[in-house]
Amino acid sequence: MKQPIDILRERSAEGRQILIYGAGSQGRGVLRALRRNAIDVAGFIDRNPSVQGNNVGDLTVHSPDLLRRPASRDHYFIIIAAFFFEREIASFLGGFGYEVGRHFLAYSSLKPHDYAVEVSGVCNLRCISCPRADRRPTDRNAAMMSLDHFRQVIDKIRRESPFVGNLQLYQWGEPTLNPALPAMIRLAREQGFLCSLSSNLNHKADFRALIEALPECLRLSVSGIGENYELTHTGGTWSTFLEHVREIGKLRLELNPQMKVELYYHQYRHSVGDQQGRIAELCRELQFEFHPVPAYIISLDDVLAYAEGTPLPPPACQARKLLLVDIDEGLQRAKAEAALPCDALRVIMINADLSVSTCMMFYDPEGNTLVQNFLSTPLETIVERRKRAPLCGRCMKHGIHRYCSVYAQLSEERRY
């Protein structure tokens, strides 16, 4: 049976132009991996009008309309690079006669594993929709990864997953709290990895050094203006965020204009309307991508416990009153998709203390730790242990493995 990489090389040798469907972090990482394997790419496809016509990694981003022409099937070969929307894009292509292997492949067939490396197990906020709002820090959730450990982690990733081209350097912590972050990004680039970050921008980091290190993507989160922001980004201040977001905009243009900046606007009952419009205008001013998304209770620990009959903790109850899409609706939609696979199973979640989580979407270490040390455990062992993890069975019983995907789909439906 032919391996996906062999199929890709055959199509390239036939003269097909390789296009990557998805110009986000995954697509950019796939581009890096393909170039590292001496495979030329002709461009990107993305349905987001705000990126169409732009250049990403010196390649043009095209509209999906390019693929609707009958002749396109024999001219292009598509690699789908979209984390939550792989099946939807495959269905779109199938509707125009594209066939798997002959006309397209999913990036997950080329690299079965993505990696999230939590460089900071610490966060400076206590957002009410996040588990940090009511948990005391554990050793795992209070660690800070050292530069030496990070070097060893990416060396092992490259040995075991040679087609990985991008790393997510965050999950539950605030990465800018780690003073070694710029050095980590530089080191990763030297080893052929692009880095994606997420920040609440409420910590006064050395943003110049950070952007000079050339991260590929920076995701920012905001949930209203003034007191409304501070209600749901609990512990943060609106004035600090606004000061830092403008500083990021200025430094990006000066130092790294190719850096993708996504501003995720968390929609609550108190944050839609005029406030959302003002943030959208700020994004236009700073040339950031604007992503309005319905907020949801993010800790699957709490969501699973709720599905099993345990009341939500007080901060989550407070957040629930503000949601546009209630947890019950989210669970109902997720249960309807229970037969679909879990997207998070593709991700190897390496914590700041080097332990590996069963699932990146669960916060508490108890019942969610596969191994204590990623560096001393082969990837095959990690994958096999996860197949037998009791947590996965409990989660899938209620369809909660589709819960985050459901909210991602809702945001896309409203955008397009």
Protein backbone atom coordinates (compact mmCIF):
# COMPACT_ATOMS: atom_id res chain seq x y z
CA MET A 1 0.00 0.00 0.00
CA LYS A 2 1.41 3.38 -1.00
CA GLN A 3 2.32 5.80 1.74
CA PRO A 4 0.76 9.31 1.56
CA ILE A 5 4.16 10.93 1.06
CA ASP A 6 4.80 8.64 -1.93
CA ILE A 7 1.43 9.59 -3.44
CA LEU A 8 2.26 13.25 -2.98
CA ARG A 9 5.63 12.87 -4.66
CA GLU A 10 4.03 11.00 -7.58
CA ARG A 11 1.46 13.73 -8.14
CA SER A 12 4.18 16.36 -7.96
CA ALA A 13 6.27 14.41 -10.50
CA GLU A 14 3.21 14.31 -12.79
CA GLY A 15 3.32 18.10 -12.92
CA ARG A 16 0.39 18.73 -10.58
CA GLN A 17 0.56 22.03 -8.74
CA ILE A 18 0.36 21.44 -4.98
CA LEU A 19 -2.10 23.66 -3.13
CA ILE A 20 -2.61 23.72 0.65
CA TYR A 21 -6.23 24.18 1.72
CA GLY A 22 -5.99 26.27 4.89
CA ALA A 23 -3.73 29.30 5.33
CA GLY A 24 -3.69 29.17 9.14
CA SER A 25 -1.12 27.73 11.49
CA GLN A 26 -1.60 24.17 10.26
CA GLY A 27 -1.24 25.18 6.62
CA ARG A 28 1.90 27.17 7.29
CA GLY A 29 3.37 24.25 9.18
CA VAL A 30 2.57 21.88 6.31
CA LEU A 31 4.30 24.28 3.92
CA ARG A 32 7.41 24.22 6.10
CA ALA A 33 7.38 20.41 6.26
CA LEU A 34 6.85 20.02 2.49
CA ARG A 35 9.71 22.36 1.69
CA ARG A 36 11.89 20.49 4.18
CA ASN A 37 11.09 17.35 2.13
CA ALA A 38 11.91 19.07 -1.20
CA ILE A 39 8.28 19.25 -2.39
CA ASP A 40 7.24 22.47 -4.14
CA VAL A 41 3.97 24.20 -3.25
CA ALA A 42 2.17 26.55 -5.64
CA GLY A 43 -0.18 28.35 -3.24
CA PHE A 44 -2.89 28.26 -0.59
CA ILE A 45 -6.68 27.97 -0.61
CA ASP A 46 -8.77 29.57 2.12
CA ARG A 47 -12.41 30.54 2.33
CA ASN A 48 -11.73 33.53 4.57
CA PRO A 49 -12.15 36.58 2.27
CA SER A 50 -9.84 38.66 4.47
CA VAL A 51 -6.81 36.52 3.57
CA GLN A 52 -7.60 35.83 -0.09
CA GLY A 53 -5.16 37.61 -2.36
CA ASN A 54 -2.60 37.95 0.42
CA ASN A 55 0.76 36.20 0.50
CA VAL A 56 1.63 33.56 3.10
CA GLY A 57 5.18 32.28 3.07
CA ASP A 58 5.65 34.05 -0.32
CA LEU A 59 2.65 32.15 -1.79
CA THR A 60 -0.72 33.58 -2.84
CA VAL A 61 -3.92 32.64 -0.97
CA HIS A 62 -6.73 31.80 -3.43
CA SER A 63 -10.48 31.46 -3.02
CA PRO A 64 -11.99 27.93 -3.08
CA ASP A 65 -13.72 29.04 -6.30
CA LEU A 66 -10.45 28.18 -8.03
CA LEU A 67 -11.24 24.50 -7.44
CA ARG A 68 -14.75 24.56 -8.90
CA ARG A 69 -13.53 24.51 -12.49
CA PRO A 70 -13.59 20.98 -13.99
CA ALA A 71 -10.06 21.34 -15.36
CA SER A 72 -8.75 22.05 -11.85
CA ARG A 73 -8.96 18.39 -10.85
CA ASP A 74 -6.20 17.45 -13.28
CA HIS A 75 -4.16 20.59 -12.71
CA TYR A 76 -3.94 20.77 -8.91
CA PHE A 77 -3.34 18.40 -6.03
CA ILE A 78 -4.79 19.54 -2.71
CA ILE A 79 -3.53 18.98 0.83
CA ILE A 80 -6.21 19.74 3.41
CA ALA A 81 -4.65 21.51 6.41
CA ALA A 82 -7.47 22.54 8.74
CA PHE A 83 -7.68 21.05 12.22
CA PHE A 84 -11.44 21.09 12.89
CA PHE A 85 -12.68 21.14 9.28
CA GLU A 86 -10.88 18.30 7.53
CA ARG A 87 -14.06 16.30 6.90
CA GLU A 88 -16.05 19.33 5.73
CA ILE A 89 -13.37 20.32 3.21
CA ALA A 90 -13.05 16.74 1.96
CA SER A 91 -16.82 16.70 1.44
CA PHE A 92 -16.64 20.02 -0.46
CA LEU A 93 -13.94 18.64 -2.74
CA GLY A 94 -15.82 15.38 -3.23
CA GLY A 95 -18.81 17.37 -4.44
CA PHE A 96 -16.71 18.57 -7.36
CA GLY A 97 -15.38 15.15 -8.25
CA TYR A 98 -12.12 15.22 -6.33
CA GLU A 99 -11.00 11.81 -5.07
CA VAL A 100 -8.76 10.97 -2.12
CA GLY A 101 -5.27 10.01 -3.29
CA ARG A 102 -5.94 10.99 -6.88
CA HIS A 103 -6.81 14.63 -6.28
CA PHE A 104 -6.27 15.39 -2.59
CA LEU A 105 -4.94 14.19 0.75
CA ALA A 106 -5.59 15.27 4.32
CA TYR A 107 -2.53 16.57 6.15
CA SER A 108 -3.31 14.17 9.00
CA SER A 109 -2.42 11.27 6.70
CA LEU A 110 1.03 12.83 6.20
CA LYS A 111 1.57 13.65 9.87
CA PRO A 112 -0.71 11.68 12.18
CA HIS A 113 0.35 13.73 15.21
CA ASP A 114 0.35 17.41 16.06
CA TYR A 115 2.19 18.70 19.10
CA ALA A 116 1.26 21.19 21.80
CA VAL A 117 4.20 22.12 24.03
CA GLU A 118 3.10 23.99 27.16
CA VAL A 119 6.12 26.21 27.78
CA SER A 120 4.39 27.90 30.73
CA GLY A 121 2.17 26.03 33.14
CA VAL A 122 1.29 29.34 34.80
CA CYS A 123 -1.37 31.91 33.91
CA ASN A 124 -1.81 35.45 35.20
CA LEU A 125 -5.63 35.48 34.81
CA ARG A 126 -8.51 33.51 36.32
CA CYS A 127 -11.14 33.68 33.57
CA ILE A 128 -14.51 32.40 34.75
CA SER A 129 -14.97 30.04 31.77
CA CYS A 130 -11.54 28.45 32.43
CA PRO A 131 -10.71 25.79 35.04
CA ARG A 132 -8.05 28.05 36.55
CA ALA A 133 -10.87 30.13 38.03
CA ASP A 134 -11.44 27.63 40.84
CA ARG A 135 -8.43 25.28 40.85
CA ARG A 136 -5.38 25.50 43.02
CA PRO A 137 -2.21 25.06 40.99
CA THR A 138 -0.74 21.57 40.90
CA ASP A 139 2.94 20.94 40.28
CA ARG A 140 2.11 20.34 36.62
CA ASN A 141 0.09 23.52 36.31
CA ALA A 142 2.70 25.71 37.97
CA ALA A 143 5.84 24.61 36.11
CA MET A 144 7.92 26.62 33.65
CA MET A 145 9.73 24.72 30.89
CA SER A 146 13.45 25.41 30.63
CA LEU A 147 15.19 26.17 27.35
CA ASP A 148 17.28 23.00 27.70
CA HIS A 149 14.20 20.82 28.16
CA PHE A 150 12.54 22.55 25.21
CA ARG A 151 15.58 21.75 23.05
CA GLN A 152 15.36 18.09 24.03
CA VAL A 153 11.61 18.03 23.38
CA ILE A 154 11.87 19.37 19.82
CA ASP A 155 14.82 17.09 19.05
CA LYS A 156 12.65 14.10 20.00
CA ILE A 157 9.66 15.40 18.03
CA ARG A 158 11.78 15.77 14.92
CA ARG A 159 13.16 12.22 15.28
CA GLU A 160 9.76 10.61 15.87
CA SER A 161 7.53 12.83 13.66
CA PRO A 162 9.66 14.11 10.76
CA PHE A 163 6.69 15.60 8.89
CA VAL A 164 5.67 17.98 11.69
CA GLY A 165 6.28 21.59 10.68
CA ASN A 166 4.58 23.62 13.40
CA LEU A 167 4.28 23.61 17.18
CA GLN A 168 1.64 25.10 19.44
CA LEU A 169 3.45 26.62 22.44
CA TYR A 170 0.41 27.06 24.68
CA GLN A 171 -2.69 25.47 26.09
CA TRP A 172 -3.65 26.34 29.68
CA GLY A 173 -0.78 28.72 30.51
CA GLU A 174 0.29 32.18 29.41
CA PRO A 175 3.46 31.60 27.32
CA THR A 176 4.75 35.18 27.60
CA LEU A 177 5.36 34.56 31.32
CA ASN A 178 8.31 32.36 30.34
CA PRO A 179 11.34 34.65 29.85
CA ALA A 180 12.96 32.01 27.62
CA LEU A 181 10.11 32.18 25.08
CA PRO A 182 11.95 34.26 22.41
CA ALA A 183 14.94 31.90 22.60
CA MET A 184 12.60 28.91 22.27
CA ILE A 185 11.00 30.33 19.13
CA ARG A 186 14.41 31.00 17.56
CA LEU A 187 15.59 27.51 18.43
CA ALA A 188 12.45 25.94 16.95
CA ARG A 189 12.88 27.89 13.70
CA GLU A 190 16.50 26.74 13.47
CA GLN A 191 15.22 23.16 13.74
CA GLY A 192 12.58 23.69 11.04
CA PHE A 193 9.48 24.31 13.17
CA LEU A 194 7.09 27.26 13.02
CA CYS A 195 5.61 28.35 16.35
CA SER A 196 2.09 29.47 17.25
CA LEU A 197 1.38 31.43 20.43
CA SER A 198 -1.70 32.58 22.29
CA SER A 199 -1.73 35.45 24.77
CA ASN A 200 -4.12 37.47 26.89
CA LEU A 201 -1.63 40.40 26.64
CA ASN A 202 -2.00 41.26 30.31
CA HIS A 203 1.63 40.60 31.13
CA LYS A 204 4.28 43.16 30.27
CA ALA A 205 6.62 40.91 28.34
CA ASP A 206 9.50 41.94 26.11
CA PHE A 207 7.30 42.09 23.03
CA ARG A 208 10.12 43.39 20.84
CA ALA A 209 12.29 40.36 21.59
CA LEU A 210 9.27 38.11 21.12
CA ILE A 211 8.41 39.39 17.64
CA GLU A 212 12.07 39.59 16.58
CA ALA A 213 12.20 35.83 17.25
CA LEU A 214 9.71 35.43 14.35
CA PRO A 215 6.75 33.46 15.67
CA GLU A 216 4.52 32.42 12.80
CA CYS A 217 1.19 33.07 14.46
CA LEU A 218 -0.01 35.00 17.49
CA ARG A 219 -3.56 34.48 18.74
CA LEU A 220 -5.01 37.13 21.02
CA SER A 221 -8.17 36.80 23.09
CA VAL A 222 -10.62 39.50 24.16
CA SER A 223 -14.19 39.39 25.45
CA GLY A 224 -15.61 42.89 25.53
CA ILE A 225 -14.52 46.42 26.32
CA GLY A 226 -13.79 48.08 29.65
CA GLU A 227 -15.56 46.49 32.61
CA ASN A 228 -17.17 43.92 30.33
CA TYR A 229 -13.72 42.70 29.29
CA GLU A 230 -12.59 42.49 32.90
CA LEU A 231 -15.65 40.46 33.90
CA THR A 232 -14.81 37.49 31.67
CA HIS A 233 -11.04 38.00 31.32
CA THR A 234 -11.00 37.89 35.09
CA GLY A 235 -7.96 39.49 36.69
CA GLY A 236 -7.01 41.38 33.55
CA THR A 237 -7.47 45.07 32.80
CA TRP A 238 -8.82 46.55 29.60
CA SER A 239 -6.30 49.41 29.59
CA THR A 240 -3.37 46.97 29.78
CA PHE A 241 -4.74 44.84 26.97
CA LEU A 242 -5.38 47.86 24.73
CA GLU A 243 -1.90 49.28 25.36
CA HIS A 244 -0.24 45.97 24.55
CA VAL A 245 -2.37 45.15 21.51
CA ARG A 246 -1.37 48.46 19.93
CA GLU A 247 2.27 47.79 20.79
CA ILE A 248 2.03 44.38 19.10
CA GLY A 249 0.52 46.01 16.01
CA LYS A 250 3.34 48.53 15.77
CA LEU A 251 6.14 46.01 16.36
CA ARG A 252 4.67 43.53 13.90
CA LEU A 253 4.79 46.07 11.05
CA GLU A 254 8.33 47.03 12.03
CA LEU A 255 9.86 43.60 12.71
CA ASN A 256 7.75 40.76 11.33
CA PRO A 257 4.95 41.88 8.96
CA GLN A 258 4.40 38.28 7.81
CA MET A 259 3.38 37.20 11.31
CA LYS A 260 -0.25 36.10 11.36
CA VAL A 261 -2.17 37.81 14.19
CA GLU A 262 -5.62 36.41 14.97
CA LEU A 263 -7.84 38.24 17.42
CA TYR A 264 -10.41 35.86 18.83
CA TYR A 265 -13.39 37.79 20.12
CA HIS A 266 -15.27 35.72 22.72
CA GLN A 267 -18.95 36.48 22.28
CA TYR A 268 -20.99 36.66 25.49
CA ARG A 269 -24.39 38.22 26.05
CA HIS A 270 -22.67 41.31 27.43
CA SER A 271 -20.03 41.62 24.68
CA VAL A 272 -21.91 41.55 21.36
CA GLY A 273 -23.27 44.52 19.41
CA ASP A 274 -21.38 47.80 19.42
CA GLN A 275 -18.47 46.39 21.44
CA GLN A 276 -17.86 43.68 18.88
CA GLY A 277 -17.98 46.29 16.12
CA ARG A 278 -15.36 48.41 17.87
CA ILE A 279 -13.02 45.44 18.21
CA ALA A 280 -13.56 44.58 14.53
CA GLU A 281 -12.59 48.14 13.65
CA LEU A 282 -9.47 47.87 15.83
CA CYS A 283 -8.50 44.75 13.87
CA ARG A 284 -8.94 46.58 10.56
CA GLU A 285 -6.77 49.41 11.87
CA LEU A 286 -3.99 47.06 13.02
CA GLN A 287 -4.38 44.62 10.08
CA PHE A 288 -5.22 41.69 12.37
CA GLU A 289 -7.58 38.85 11.49
CA PHE A 290 -10.88 39.15 13.36
CA HIS A 291 -12.50 35.93 14.59
CA PRO A 292 -15.74 36.35 16.57
CA VAL A 293 -16.47 33.06 18.34
CA PRO A 294 -19.25 32.05 20.78
CA ALA A 295 -17.73 31.64 24.22
CA TYR A 296 -18.12 28.33 26.00
CA ILE A 297 -17.02 26.61 29.21
CA ILE A 298 -13.62 25.48 28.09
CA SER A 299 -12.61 22.90 30.71
CA LEU A 300 -13.80 19.47 29.63
CA ASP A 301 -13.21 18.35 33.22
CA ASP A 302 -16.20 20.47 34.24
CA VAL A 303 -18.22 19.63 31.13
CA LEU A 304 -17.78 15.88 31.63
CA ALA A 305 -18.58 16.12 35.33
CA TYR A 306 -21.72 18.10 34.48
CA ALA A 307 -22.77 15.49 31.90
CA GLU A 308 -22.29 12.83 34.58
CA GLY A 309 -24.47 14.70 37.08
CA THR A 310 -22.11 16.95 39.06
CA PRO A 311 -23.04 20.66 39.28
CA LEU A 312 -20.74 23.15 37.61
CA PRO A 313 -18.36 25.04 39.93
CA PRO A 314 -19.40 28.62 40.87
CA PRO A 315 -17.19 30.46 38.30
CA ALA A 316 -18.49 28.24 35.49
CA CYS A 317 -22.07 28.90 36.67
CA GLN A 318 -21.34 32.61 36.48
CA ALA A 319 -19.97 32.21 32.94
CA ARG A 320 -22.94 30.08 31.90
CA LYS A 321 -25.38 32.94 32.59
CA LEU A 322 -23.49 35.01 30.00
CA LEU A 323 -23.20 32.42 27.22
CA LEU A 324 -24.90 32.90 23.87
CA VAL A 325 -24.88 29.13 23.32
CA ASP A 326 -25.64 27.29 26.56
CA ILE A 327 -23.71 24.23 27.66
CA ASP A 328 -26.84 22.08 27.25
CA GLU A 329 -27.13 23.08 23.60
CA GLY A 330 -23.42 22.47 23.08
CA LEU A 331 -23.72 19.01 24.62
CA GLN A 332 -26.81 18.20 22.56
CA ARG A 333 -25.04 19.15 19.34
CA ALA A 334 -21.94 17.21 20.39
CA LYS A 335 -23.97 14.09 21.24
CA ALA A 336 -25.46 14.20 17.75
CA GLU A 337 -21.89 13.90 16.37
CA ALA A 338 -20.77 11.21 18.82
CA ALA A 339 -20.02 8.74 16.02
CA LEU A 340 -17.40 11.09 14.53
CA PRO A 341 -13.75 10.76 15.61
CA CYS A 342 -12.02 12.92 18.18
CA ASP A 343 -9.85 15.68 16.69
CA ALA A 344 -7.86 16.07 19.92
CA LEU A 345 -6.54 12.50 19.64
CA ARG A 346 -4.15 13.79 16.98
CA VAL A 347 -2.45 16.09 19.48
CA ILE A 348 0.39 15.02 21.76
CA MET A 349 0.11 17.39 24.73
CA ILE A 350 3.48 17.91 26.45
CA ASN A 351 3.21 19.84 29.70
CA ALA A 352 5.77 22.23 31.16
CA ASP A 353 6.93 19.55 33.62
CA LEU A 354 7.42 17.12 30.66
CA SER A 355 4.43 14.94 31.54
CA VAL A 356 2.08 14.00 28.69
CA SER A 357 -1.69 14.44 29.03
CA THR A 358 -4.25 11.99 27.72
CA CYS A 359 -6.19 14.95 26.31
CA MET A 360 -5.20 18.56 25.79
CA MET A 361 -8.75 19.73 26.55
CA PHE A 362 -8.75 18.37 30.12
CA TYR A 363 -6.96 20.47 32.73
CA ASP A 364 -6.65 18.36 35.89
CA PRO A 365 -3.67 15.95 35.96
CA GLU A 366 -5.54 13.26 37.88
CA GLY A 367 -6.80 10.65 35.45
CA ASN A 368 -5.32 12.66 32.57
CA THR A 369 -1.61 11.80 32.68
CA LEU A 370 -0.30 9.18 30.26
CA VAL A 371 3.39 9.35 31.15
CA GLN A 372 5.48 11.43 33.53
CA ASN A 373 8.33 12.18 31.12
CA PHE A 374 7.95 12.68 27.38
CA LEU A 375 11.72 12.57 26.85
CA SER A 376 12.11 9.04 28.21
CA THR A 377 8.97 7.56 26.63
CA PRO A 378 8.78 6.46 22.96
CA LEU A 379 5.95 7.94 20.90
CA GLU A 380 4.61 4.44 20.23
CA THR A 381 4.17 3.87 23.97
CA ILE A 382 2.32 7.16 24.38
CA VAL A 383 -0.04 6.34 21.50
CA GLU A 384 -0.74 2.82 22.76
CA ARG A 385 -1.45 3.99 26.30
CA ARG A 386 -3.89 6.57 25.08
CA LYS A 387 -5.85 3.93 23.18
CA ARG A 388 -6.61 2.30 26.55
CA ALA A 389 -7.19 5.50 28.53
CA PRO A 390 -10.39 5.30 30.67
CA LEU A 391 -10.87 9.07 30.29
CA CYS A 392 -11.51 8.69 26.56
CA GLY A 393 -14.28 6.16 27.12
CA ARG A 394 -16.07 8.40 29.62
CA CYS A 395 -15.72 11.42 27.33
CA MET A 396 -16.91 9.69 24.14
CA LYS A 397 -19.90 8.14 25.92
CA HIS A 398 -21.43 11.64 26.11
CA GLY A 399 -20.07 12.88 22.76
CA ILE A 400 -17.90 15.39 24.60
CA HIS A 401 -15.00 14.64 22.24
CA ARG A 402 -17.03 16.69 19.70
CA TYR A 403 -17.93 19.53 22.10
CA CYS A 404 -15.11 21.92 21.12
CA SER A 405 -15.58 21.10 17.44
CA VAL A 406 -19.26 22.05 17.71
CA TYR A 407 -18.44 25.55 18.95
CA ALA A 408 -15.76 25.94 16.25
CA GLN A 409 -18.38 25.00 13.64
CA LEU A 410 -20.85 27.51 15.09
CA SER A 411 -18.30 30.30 14.74
CA GLU A 412 -17.63 29.34 11.11
CA GLU A 413 -21.34 29.17 10.29
CA ARG A 414 -21.83 32.69 11.60
CA ARG A 415 -18.78 34.08 9.83
CA TYR A 416 -19.69 32.70 6.38
